[in-house]
Amino acid sequence: MLSDEAIKRKLYPLAWGAQKSLDGASHFVILLARKTPDLIYSSDYITHMMREIQQQPAEVANQRRTKYCSFQEYDFRLLESERAMFDWASKQTYIMLANMLTTAAYLGIDSCPIEGFNRDAVDALFVQEGVFDPAHFGVSVMAGFGYRAEEPHREKTRQPLEDLIIWR
């Protein structure tokens, strides 16, 4: 949750898609994705998650690590590049984002998911401000939340469902 007004001002020119939300949203969220050193199957972070957080017995953790290794190496080929792993981790943040947007809508709160920003510049800003360690995190996506001051000036447009989904 970004509430520091000084950082918001510095973010403004780097995030063209966030400017309206930075100006008016009561809450501004930046979702970070972990990077390869934390997400590789053999990492201390994965070990910590399986043993301390999920409290898996060593045998179960080892079996899951083997499966996770296969998933990373063969199924999704995440070990081919740092970018592949980061993009996959970013996809995981979108699951959380979708839940946040859906919950906000259910509560009558407006929201705006935001990808309109220069990722390298925004990462550099947050590193400079001491927000995160770039070896472990990068910015994935942003979102503004709040109540609209006025109704939109144009109607929402949506493609027909049958143009988006193949039913077989």
N, C-alpha and C. Protein backbone atom coordinates (compact mmCIF):
# COMPACT_ATOMS: atom_id res chain seq x y z
N MET A 1 0.86 -1.16 0.00
CA MET A 1 0.00 0.00 0.00
C MET A 1 0.91 1.23 0.00
N LEU A 2 0.74 2.07 -0.98
CA LEU A 2 1.58 3.26 -1.07
C LEU A 2 0.81 4.45 -0.53
N SER A 3 1.27 4.99 0.58
CA SER A 3 0.64 6.17 1.16
C SER A 3 1.61 7.34 1.28
N ASP A 4 2.88 7.12 1.04
CA ASP A 4 3.91 8.16 1.14
C ASP A 4 3.74 9.15 -0.02
N GLU A 5 3.33 10.37 0.31
CA GLU A 5 3.05 11.37 -0.73
C GLU A 5 4.30 11.76 -1.51
N ALA A 6 5.45 11.77 -0.87
CA ALA A 6 6.69 12.12 -1.58
C ALA A 6 7.01 11.07 -2.64
N ILE A 7 6.84 9.80 -2.30
CA ILE A 7 7.08 8.74 -3.28
C ILE A 7 6.03 8.80 -4.39
N LYS A 8 4.79 9.09 -4.03
CA LYS A 8 3.74 9.21 -5.05
C LYS A 8 4.10 10.29 -6.07
N ARG A 9 4.63 11.42 -5.60
CA ARG A 9 5.01 12.51 -6.52
C ARG A 9 6.14 12.06 -7.45
N LYS A 10 7.08 11.29 -6.91
CA LYS A 10 8.18 10.79 -7.74
C LYS A 10 7.69 9.72 -8.72
N LEU A 11 6.68 8.97 -8.34
CA LEU A 11 6.12 7.92 -9.18
C LEU A 11 5.33 8.49 -10.35
N TYR A 12 4.70 9.63 -10.13
CA TYR A 12 3.77 10.23 -11.09
C TYR A 12 4.31 10.28 -12.53
N PRO A 13 5.50 10.83 -12.77
CA PRO A 13 5.98 10.90 -14.17
C PRO A 13 6.42 9.54 -14.74
N LEU A 14 6.60 8.56 -13.89
CA LEU A 14 7.06 7.24 -14.34
C LEU A 14 5.90 6.30 -14.65
N ALA A 15 4.71 6.69 -14.20
CA ALA A 15 3.54 5.80 -14.31
C ALA A 15 2.38 6.55 -14.96
N TRP A 16 2.46 6.71 -16.27
CA TRP A 16 1.44 7.46 -17.00
C TRP A 16 0.05 6.88 -16.82
N GLY A 17 -0.06 5.59 -16.66
CA GLY A 17 -1.36 4.96 -16.49
C GLY A 17 -1.92 5.07 -15.08
N ALA A 18 -1.10 5.54 -14.16
CA ALA A 18 -1.51 5.63 -12.76
C ALA A 18 -1.85 7.04 -12.33
N GLN A 19 -1.66 8.01 -13.19
CA GLN A 19 -1.77 9.41 -12.76
C GLN A 19 -3.14 9.77 -12.19
N LYS A 20 -4.22 9.33 -12.82
CA LYS A 20 -5.55 9.64 -12.27
C LYS A 20 -5.75 8.98 -10.91
N SER A 21 -5.28 7.75 -10.76
CA SER A 21 -5.41 7.06 -9.47
C SER A 21 -4.52 7.71 -8.41
N LEU A 22 -3.32 8.11 -8.80
CA LEU A 22 -2.44 8.78 -7.84
C LEU A 22 -3.05 10.10 -7.39
N ASP A 23 -3.77 10.78 -8.29
CA ASP A 23 -4.43 12.04 -7.95
C ASP A 23 -5.65 11.85 -7.07
N GLY A 24 -6.42 10.76 -7.30
CA GLY A 24 -7.71 10.70 -6.64
C GLY A 24 -8.05 9.47 -5.84
N ALA A 25 -7.34 8.38 -6.04
CA ALA A 25 -7.70 7.15 -5.32
C ALA A 25 -7.34 7.27 -3.84
N SER A 26 -8.23 6.81 -2.99
CA SER A 26 -7.93 6.86 -1.55
C SER A 26 -6.89 5.82 -1.16
N HIS A 27 -6.80 4.74 -1.94
CA HIS A 27 -5.82 3.68 -1.67
C HIS A 27 -5.12 3.31 -2.97
N PHE A 28 -3.81 3.21 -2.91
CA PHE A 28 -3.01 2.88 -4.08
C PHE A 28 -2.11 1.71 -3.72
N VAL A 29 -2.27 0.61 -4.47
CA VAL A 29 -1.57 -0.63 -4.16
C VAL A 29 -0.56 -0.94 -5.26
N ILE A 30 0.60 -1.39 -4.85
CA ILE A 30 1.61 -1.86 -5.80
C ILE A 30 1.93 -3.30 -5.43
N LEU A 31 1.70 -4.21 -6.38
CA LEU A 31 1.95 -5.62 -6.14
C LEU A 31 3.35 -5.97 -6.65
N LEU A 32 4.12 -6.59 -5.80
CA LEU A 32 5.48 -6.99 -6.14
C LEU A 32 5.52 -8.48 -6.44
N ALA A 33 6.37 -8.84 -7.39
CA ALA A 33 6.59 -10.26 -7.70
C ALA A 33 8.00 -10.62 -7.24
N ARG A 34 8.11 -11.82 -6.69
CA ARG A 34 9.43 -12.31 -6.29
C ARG A 34 10.23 -12.70 -7.52
N LYS A 35 11.54 -12.75 -7.35
CA LYS A 35 12.44 -13.10 -8.44
C LYS A 35 13.06 -14.47 -8.21
N THR A 36 13.82 -14.92 -9.19
CA THR A 36 14.39 -16.27 -9.21
C THR A 36 15.10 -16.69 -7.92
N PRO A 37 15.93 -15.84 -7.30
CA PRO A 37 16.62 -16.32 -6.09
C PRO A 37 15.66 -16.83 -5.01
N ASP A 38 14.45 -16.30 -4.97
CA ASP A 38 13.46 -16.75 -3.98
C ASP A 38 12.58 -17.88 -4.51
N LEU A 39 12.34 -17.91 -5.80
CA LEU A 39 11.35 -18.84 -6.35
C LEU A 39 11.91 -20.12 -6.93
N ILE A 40 13.20 -20.19 -7.13
CA ILE A 40 13.77 -21.43 -7.66
C ILE A 40 13.51 -22.55 -6.65
N TYR A 41 13.23 -23.73 -7.15
CA TYR A 41 12.82 -24.86 -6.32
C TYR A 41 13.74 -25.14 -5.14
N SER A 42 15.01 -24.80 -5.24
CA SER A 42 15.99 -25.10 -4.18
C SER A 42 16.23 -23.94 -3.23
N SER A 43 15.46 -22.85 -3.33
CA SER A 43 15.73 -21.64 -2.55
C SER A 43 15.39 -21.78 -1.07
N ASP A 44 16.04 -20.96 -0.28
CA ASP A 44 15.73 -20.88 1.15
C ASP A 44 14.28 -20.43 1.36
N TYR A 45 13.80 -19.54 0.50
CA TYR A 45 12.43 -19.05 0.62
C TYR A 45 11.42 -20.18 0.45
N ILE A 46 11.61 -21.01 -0.57
CA ILE A 46 10.70 -22.14 -0.80
C ILE A 46 10.78 -23.12 0.37
N THR A 47 11.98 -23.37 0.86
CA THR A 47 12.15 -24.24 2.03
C THR A 47 11.40 -23.66 3.22
N HIS A 48 11.56 -22.37 3.46
CA HIS A 48 10.86 -21.69 4.57
C HIS A 48 9.34 -21.83 4.41
N MET A 49 8.83 -21.59 3.21
CA MET A 49 7.38 -21.68 2.99
C MET A 49 6.86 -23.09 3.27
N MET A 50 7.58 -24.09 2.78
CA MET A 50 7.10 -25.47 2.96
C MET A 50 7.24 -25.94 4.41
N ARG A 51 8.33 -25.60 5.04
CA ARG A 51 8.57 -26.12 6.39
C ARG A 51 7.92 -25.28 7.49
N GLU A 52 8.18 -23.96 7.47
CA GLU A 52 7.68 -23.12 8.57
C GLU A 52 6.24 -22.65 8.37
N ILE A 53 5.91 -22.22 7.17
CA ILE A 53 4.57 -21.67 6.94
C ILE A 53 3.54 -22.79 6.74
N GLN A 54 3.82 -23.70 5.81
CA GLN A 54 2.87 -24.78 5.53
C GLN A 54 3.05 -25.97 6.47
N GLN A 55 4.12 -25.98 7.23
CA GLN A 55 4.44 -27.01 8.22
C GLN A 55 4.37 -28.42 7.62
N GLN A 56 4.98 -28.57 6.47
CA GLN A 56 5.01 -29.88 5.82
C GLN A 56 6.12 -30.74 6.42
N PRO A 57 5.85 -32.01 6.62
CA PRO A 57 6.92 -32.92 7.05
C PRO A 57 8.01 -32.94 5.97
N ALA A 58 9.25 -33.23 6.37
CA ALA A 58 10.38 -33.21 5.45
C ALA A 58 10.14 -34.07 4.21
N GLU A 59 9.56 -35.25 4.41
CA GLU A 59 9.31 -36.15 3.28
C GLU A 59 8.35 -35.53 2.26
N VAL A 60 7.30 -34.90 2.76
CA VAL A 60 6.32 -34.25 1.88
C VAL A 60 6.97 -33.06 1.17
N ALA A 61 7.72 -32.27 1.93
CA ALA A 61 8.40 -31.11 1.35
C ALA A 61 9.36 -31.54 0.24
N ASN A 62 10.08 -32.61 0.46
CA ASN A 62 11.02 -33.10 -0.56
C ASN A 62 10.29 -33.57 -1.81
N GLN A 63 9.16 -34.25 -1.64
CA GLN A 63 8.37 -34.69 -2.79
C GLN A 63 7.83 -33.48 -3.57
N ARG A 64 7.35 -32.51 -2.85
CA ARG A 64 6.82 -31.30 -3.51
C ARG A 64 7.93 -30.54 -4.21
N ARG A 65 9.11 -30.47 -3.59
CA ARG A 65 10.24 -29.78 -4.21
C ARG A 65 10.61 -30.46 -5.53
N THR A 66 10.61 -31.79 -5.54
CA THR A 66 10.91 -32.54 -6.77
C THR A 66 9.90 -32.21 -7.86
N LYS A 67 8.62 -32.17 -7.49
CA LYS A 67 7.56 -31.84 -8.45
C LYS A 67 7.71 -30.39 -8.93
N TYR A 68 8.01 -29.49 -8.00
CA TYR A 68 8.18 -28.07 -8.32
C TYR A 68 9.38 -27.88 -9.25
N CYS A 69 10.44 -28.64 -9.03
CA CYS A 69 11.62 -28.60 -9.90
C CYS A 69 11.23 -29.00 -11.32
N SER A 70 10.50 -30.08 -11.44
CA SER A 70 10.06 -30.55 -12.75
C SER A 70 9.16 -29.52 -13.43
N PHE A 71 8.26 -28.93 -12.66
CA PHE A 71 7.38 -27.88 -13.18
C PHE A 71 8.20 -26.72 -13.71
N GLN A 72 9.16 -26.25 -12.92
CA GLN A 72 9.97 -25.10 -13.33
C GLN A 72 10.86 -25.42 -14.53
N GLU A 73 11.44 -26.61 -14.52
CA GLU A 73 12.41 -26.95 -15.56
C GLU A 73 11.76 -27.40 -16.86
N TYR A 74 10.72 -28.23 -16.78
CA TYR A 74 10.16 -28.85 -17.98
C TYR A 74 8.79 -28.33 -18.38
N ASP A 75 7.87 -28.21 -17.42
CA ASP A 75 6.50 -27.84 -17.76
C ASP A 75 6.40 -26.40 -18.28
N PHE A 76 6.95 -25.46 -17.51
CA PHE A 76 6.86 -24.05 -17.89
C PHE A 76 8.20 -23.46 -18.31
N ARG A 77 9.26 -24.24 -18.21
CA ARG A 77 10.62 -23.81 -18.59
C ARG A 77 10.98 -22.46 -17.97
N LEU A 78 10.72 -22.33 -16.69
CA LEU A 78 10.97 -21.08 -15.98
C LEU A 78 12.44 -20.83 -15.71
N LEU A 79 13.25 -21.86 -15.79
CA LEU A 79 14.67 -21.72 -15.48
C LEU A 79 15.48 -21.25 -16.69
N GLU A 80 14.82 -21.05 -17.82
CA GLU A 80 15.53 -20.63 -19.03
C GLU A 80 16.01 -19.19 -18.95
N SER A 81 15.32 -18.35 -18.16
CA SER A 81 15.74 -16.96 -18.03
C SER A 81 15.13 -16.33 -16.78
N GLU A 82 15.80 -15.28 -16.31
CA GLU A 82 15.26 -14.52 -15.18
C GLU A 82 13.89 -13.94 -15.55
N ARG A 83 13.75 -13.52 -16.79
CA ARG A 83 12.51 -12.91 -17.24
C ARG A 83 11.35 -13.91 -17.22
N ALA A 84 11.64 -15.15 -17.63
CA ALA A 84 10.59 -16.18 -17.62
C ALA A 84 10.06 -16.38 -16.20
N MET A 85 10.96 -16.46 -15.23
CA MET A 85 10.54 -16.65 -13.84
C MET A 85 9.78 -15.44 -13.33
N PHE A 86 10.27 -14.23 -13.64
CA PHE A 86 9.60 -13.02 -13.16
C PHE A 86 8.21 -12.90 -13.79
N ASP A 87 8.09 -13.19 -15.08
CA ASP A 87 6.78 -13.11 -15.73
C ASP A 87 5.80 -14.11 -15.11
N TRP A 88 6.28 -15.32 -14.79
CA TRP A 88 5.41 -16.30 -14.14
C TRP A 88 5.00 -15.81 -12.75
N ALA A 89 5.96 -15.27 -12.00
CA ALA A 89 5.65 -14.76 -10.66
C ALA A 89 4.66 -13.61 -10.75
N SER A 90 4.80 -12.78 -11.76
CA SER A 90 3.85 -11.67 -11.95
C SER A 90 2.45 -12.20 -12.22
N LYS A 91 2.35 -13.29 -12.98
CA LYS A 91 1.03 -13.89 -13.21
C LYS A 91 0.39 -14.30 -11.89
N GLN A 92 1.19 -14.74 -10.95
CA GLN A 92 0.65 -15.13 -9.64
C GLN A 92 0.07 -13.92 -8.91
N THR A 93 0.68 -12.74 -9.10
CA THR A 93 0.16 -11.55 -8.43
C THR A 93 -1.20 -11.14 -9.00
N TYR A 94 -1.45 -11.52 -10.26
CA TYR A 94 -2.73 -11.18 -10.88
C TYR A 94 -3.88 -11.97 -10.26
N ILE A 95 -3.58 -13.12 -9.69
CA ILE A 95 -4.62 -13.86 -8.97
C ILE A 95 -5.06 -13.04 -7.76
N MET A 96 -4.09 -12.50 -7.03
CA MET A 96 -4.41 -11.65 -5.88
C MET A 96 -5.12 -10.37 -6.35
N LEU A 97 -4.63 -9.78 -7.44
CA LEU A 97 -5.25 -8.57 -7.98
C LEU A 97 -6.71 -8.83 -8.35
N ALA A 98 -6.98 -9.94 -9.01
CA ALA A 98 -8.36 -10.27 -9.39
C ALA A 98 -9.26 -10.36 -8.17
N ASN A 99 -8.77 -10.98 -7.11
CA ASN A 99 -9.56 -11.07 -5.88
C ASN A 99 -9.78 -9.70 -5.26
N MET A 100 -8.78 -8.85 -5.30
CA MET A 100 -8.93 -7.50 -4.76
C MET A 100 -9.97 -6.71 -5.55
N LEU A 101 -9.90 -6.78 -6.88
CA LEU A 101 -10.84 -6.05 -7.74
C LEU A 101 -12.26 -6.57 -7.56
N THR A 102 -12.41 -7.88 -7.49
CA THR A 102 -13.74 -8.48 -7.31
C THR A 102 -14.33 -8.10 -5.96
N THR A 103 -13.52 -8.18 -4.92
CA THR A 103 -13.99 -7.82 -3.58
C THR A 103 -14.37 -6.35 -3.52
N ALA A 104 -13.55 -5.50 -4.12
CA ALA A 104 -13.87 -4.06 -4.14
C ALA A 104 -15.20 -3.83 -4.84
N ALA A 105 -15.41 -4.46 -5.98
CA ALA A 105 -16.67 -4.29 -6.71
C ALA A 105 -17.85 -4.76 -5.87
N TYR A 106 -17.69 -5.88 -5.19
CA TYR A 106 -18.74 -6.41 -4.32
C TYR A 106 -19.09 -5.41 -3.21
N LEU A 107 -18.07 -4.69 -2.72
CA LEU A 107 -18.28 -3.71 -1.65
C LEU A 107 -18.67 -2.33 -2.18
N GLY A 108 -18.79 -2.20 -3.49
CA GLY A 108 -19.17 -0.91 -4.08
C GLY A 108 -18.01 0.07 -4.19
N ILE A 109 -16.80 -0.43 -4.14
CA ILE A 109 -15.60 0.41 -4.24
C ILE A 109 -15.08 0.32 -5.67
N ASP A 110 -14.78 1.46 -6.25
CA ASP A 110 -14.24 1.48 -7.60
C ASP A 110 -12.77 1.10 -7.58
N SER A 111 -12.32 0.54 -8.68
CA SER A 111 -10.91 0.14 -8.76
C SER A 111 -10.40 0.31 -10.18
N CYS A 112 -9.09 0.42 -10.29
CA CYS A 112 -8.46 0.57 -11.59
C CYS A 112 -7.13 -0.19 -11.60
N PRO A 113 -7.07 -1.34 -12.28
CA PRO A 113 -5.79 -2.04 -12.41
C PRO A 113 -4.89 -1.25 -13.37
N ILE A 114 -3.59 -1.23 -13.08
CA ILE A 114 -2.69 -0.36 -13.83
C ILE A 114 -1.42 -1.10 -14.25
N GLU A 115 -1.18 -1.11 -15.55
CA GLU A 115 0.10 -1.58 -16.09
C GLU A 115 0.83 -0.46 -16.81
N GLY A 116 0.26 0.70 -16.88
CA GLY A 116 0.86 1.82 -17.62
C GLY A 116 1.97 2.49 -16.84
N PHE A 117 3.13 1.86 -16.84
CA PHE A 117 4.29 2.44 -16.16
C PHE A 117 5.57 1.86 -16.74
N ASN A 118 6.66 2.59 -16.56
CA ASN A 118 7.97 2.10 -16.98
C ASN A 118 8.52 1.25 -15.85
N ARG A 119 8.50 -0.05 -16.04
CA ARG A 119 8.85 -0.96 -14.96
C ARG A 119 10.27 -0.74 -14.44
N ASP A 120 11.23 -0.57 -15.33
CA ASP A 120 12.61 -0.38 -14.88
C ASP A 120 12.75 0.88 -14.04
N ALA A 121 12.12 1.97 -14.49
CA ALA A 121 12.20 3.23 -13.76
C ALA A 121 11.49 3.15 -12.42
N VAL A 122 10.34 2.49 -12.39
CA VAL A 122 9.59 2.36 -11.13
C VAL A 122 10.36 1.46 -10.16
N ASP A 123 10.90 0.35 -10.66
CA ASP A 123 11.74 -0.49 -9.80
C ASP A 123 12.89 0.33 -9.21
N ALA A 124 13.57 1.11 -10.05
CA ALA A 124 14.70 1.92 -9.59
C ALA A 124 14.27 2.91 -8.51
N LEU A 125 13.11 3.52 -8.69
CA LEU A 125 12.59 4.46 -7.69
C LEU A 125 12.39 3.76 -6.35
N PHE A 126 11.74 2.61 -6.36
CA PHE A 126 11.47 1.92 -5.10
C PHE A 126 12.74 1.38 -4.45
N VAL A 127 13.70 1.00 -5.25
CA VAL A 127 14.99 0.58 -4.69
C VAL A 127 15.67 1.78 -4.04
N GLN A 128 15.67 2.91 -4.73
CA GLN A 128 16.26 4.14 -4.20
C GLN A 128 15.58 4.56 -2.90
N GLU A 129 14.29 4.36 -2.81
CA GLU A 129 13.53 4.73 -1.62
C GLU A 129 13.59 3.67 -0.52
N GLY A 130 14.29 2.57 -0.79
CA GLY A 130 14.44 1.52 0.21
C GLY A 130 13.21 0.66 0.40
N VAL A 131 12.34 0.62 -0.60
CA VAL A 131 11.10 -0.15 -0.49
C VAL A 131 11.37 -1.65 -0.62
N PHE A 132 12.24 -2.04 -1.54
CA PHE A 132 12.54 -3.46 -1.70
C PHE A 132 13.94 -3.67 -2.25
N ASP A 133 14.40 -4.90 -2.11
CA ASP A 133 15.70 -5.34 -2.62
C ASP A 133 15.48 -5.87 -4.04
N PRO A 134 16.12 -5.27 -5.05
CA PRO A 134 15.88 -5.68 -6.43
C PRO A 134 16.36 -7.09 -6.77
N ALA A 135 17.15 -7.68 -5.91
CA ALA A 135 17.56 -9.07 -6.14
C ALA A 135 16.41 -10.03 -5.86
N HIS A 136 15.43 -9.56 -5.08
CA HIS A 136 14.34 -10.44 -4.64
C HIS A 136 12.96 -10.03 -5.16
N PHE A 137 12.78 -8.76 -5.51
CA PHE A 137 11.45 -8.28 -5.91
C PHE A 137 11.51 -7.36 -7.11
N GLY A 138 10.39 -7.25 -7.79
CA GLY A 138 10.18 -6.28 -8.85
C GLY A 138 8.71 -5.92 -8.88
N VAL A 139 8.39 -4.74 -9.41
CA VAL A 139 6.99 -4.32 -9.50
C VAL A 139 6.29 -5.13 -10.59
N SER A 140 5.13 -5.66 -10.25
CA SER A 140 4.33 -6.45 -11.19
C SER A 140 3.20 -5.61 -11.78
N VAL A 141 2.38 -5.04 -10.92
CA VAL A 141 1.18 -4.33 -11.35
C VAL A 141 0.76 -3.38 -10.23
N MET A 142 -0.04 -2.40 -10.56
CA MET A 142 -0.54 -1.43 -9.58
C MET A 142 -2.07 -1.40 -9.65
N ALA A 143 -2.68 -0.80 -8.64
CA ALA A 143 -4.14 -0.63 -8.67
C ALA A 143 -4.53 0.51 -7.75
N GLY A 144 -5.51 1.28 -8.20
CA GLY A 144 -6.09 2.33 -7.38
C GLY A 144 -7.47 1.90 -6.91
N PHE A 145 -7.82 2.28 -5.67
CA PHE A 145 -9.12 1.94 -5.10
C PHE A 145 -9.72 3.18 -4.45
N GLY A 146 -11.03 3.32 -4.54
CA GLY A 146 -11.71 4.44 -3.89
C GLY A 146 -13.12 4.58 -4.44
N TYR A 147 -13.75 5.70 -4.10
CA TYR A 147 -15.10 5.99 -4.58
C TYR A 147 -15.00 7.10 -5.61
N ARG A 148 -15.66 6.91 -6.74
CA ARG A 148 -15.58 7.90 -7.81
C ARG A 148 -16.25 9.20 -7.40
N ALA A 149 -15.67 10.30 -7.84
CA ALA A 149 -16.22 11.62 -7.55
C ALA A 149 -17.44 11.90 -8.42
N GLU A 150 -17.44 11.36 -9.63
CA GLU A 150 -18.57 11.55 -10.55
C GLU A 150 -18.71 10.33 -11.44
N GLU A 151 -19.85 10.20 -12.05
CA GLU A 151 -20.10 9.08 -12.95
C GLU A 151 -19.23 9.22 -14.20
N PRO A 152 -18.87 8.10 -14.80
CA PRO A 152 -18.07 8.17 -16.04
C PRO A 152 -18.81 8.94 -17.13
N HIS A 153 -18.04 9.59 -18.00
CA HIS A 153 -18.63 10.39 -19.07
C HIS A 153 -18.96 9.56 -20.31
N ARG A 154 -18.56 8.30 -20.30
CA ARG A 154 -18.90 7.42 -21.42
C ARG A 154 -19.26 6.04 -20.88
N GLU A 155 -20.04 5.32 -21.69
CA GLU A 155 -20.46 3.98 -21.29
C GLU A 155 -19.31 3.00 -21.38
N LYS A 156 -19.35 2.01 -20.51
CA LYS A 156 -18.39 0.91 -20.63
C LYS A 156 -18.74 0.11 -21.87
N THR A 157 -17.73 -0.35 -22.55
CA THR A 157 -17.97 -1.21 -23.70
C THR A 157 -17.31 -2.56 -23.45
N ARG A 158 -17.98 -3.61 -23.85
CA ARG A 158 -17.48 -4.96 -23.66
C ARG A 158 -17.72 -5.76 -24.93
N GLN A 159 -16.79 -6.63 -25.26
CA GLN A 159 -17.00 -7.55 -26.37
C GLN A 159 -18.03 -8.59 -25.95
N PRO A 160 -18.77 -9.11 -26.90
CA PRO A 160 -19.71 -10.19 -26.56
C PRO A 160 -18.93 -11.41 -26.05
N LEU A 161 -19.49 -12.09 -25.09
CA LEU A 161 -18.86 -13.25 -24.48
C LEU A 161 -18.50 -14.31 -25.52
N GLU A 162 -19.38 -14.50 -26.49
CA GLU A 162 -19.11 -15.52 -27.51
C GLU A 162 -17.92 -15.17 -28.40
N ASP A 163 -17.48 -13.92 -28.41
CA ASP A 163 -16.27 -13.54 -29.15
C ASP A 163 -15.00 -13.83 -28.35
N LEU A 164 -15.15 -14.09 -27.07
CA LEU A 164 -14.00 -14.28 -26.19
C LEU A 164 -13.78 -15.71 -25.74
N ILE A 165 -14.85 -16.50 -25.76
CA ILE A 165 -14.78 -17.86 -25.22
C ILE A 165 -15.14 -18.87 -26.30
N ILE A 166 -14.35 -19.90 -26.41
CA ILE A 166 -14.66 -21.00 -27.32
C ILE A 166 -15.32 -22.09 -26.49
N TRP A 167 -16.55 -22.44 -26.83
CA TRP A 167 -17.29 -23.48 -26.12
C TRP A 167 -17.20 -24.77 -26.94
N ARG A 168 -16.64 -25.79 -26.40
CA ARG A 168 -16.53 -27.09 -27.10
C ARG A 168 -16.98 -28.20 -26.18
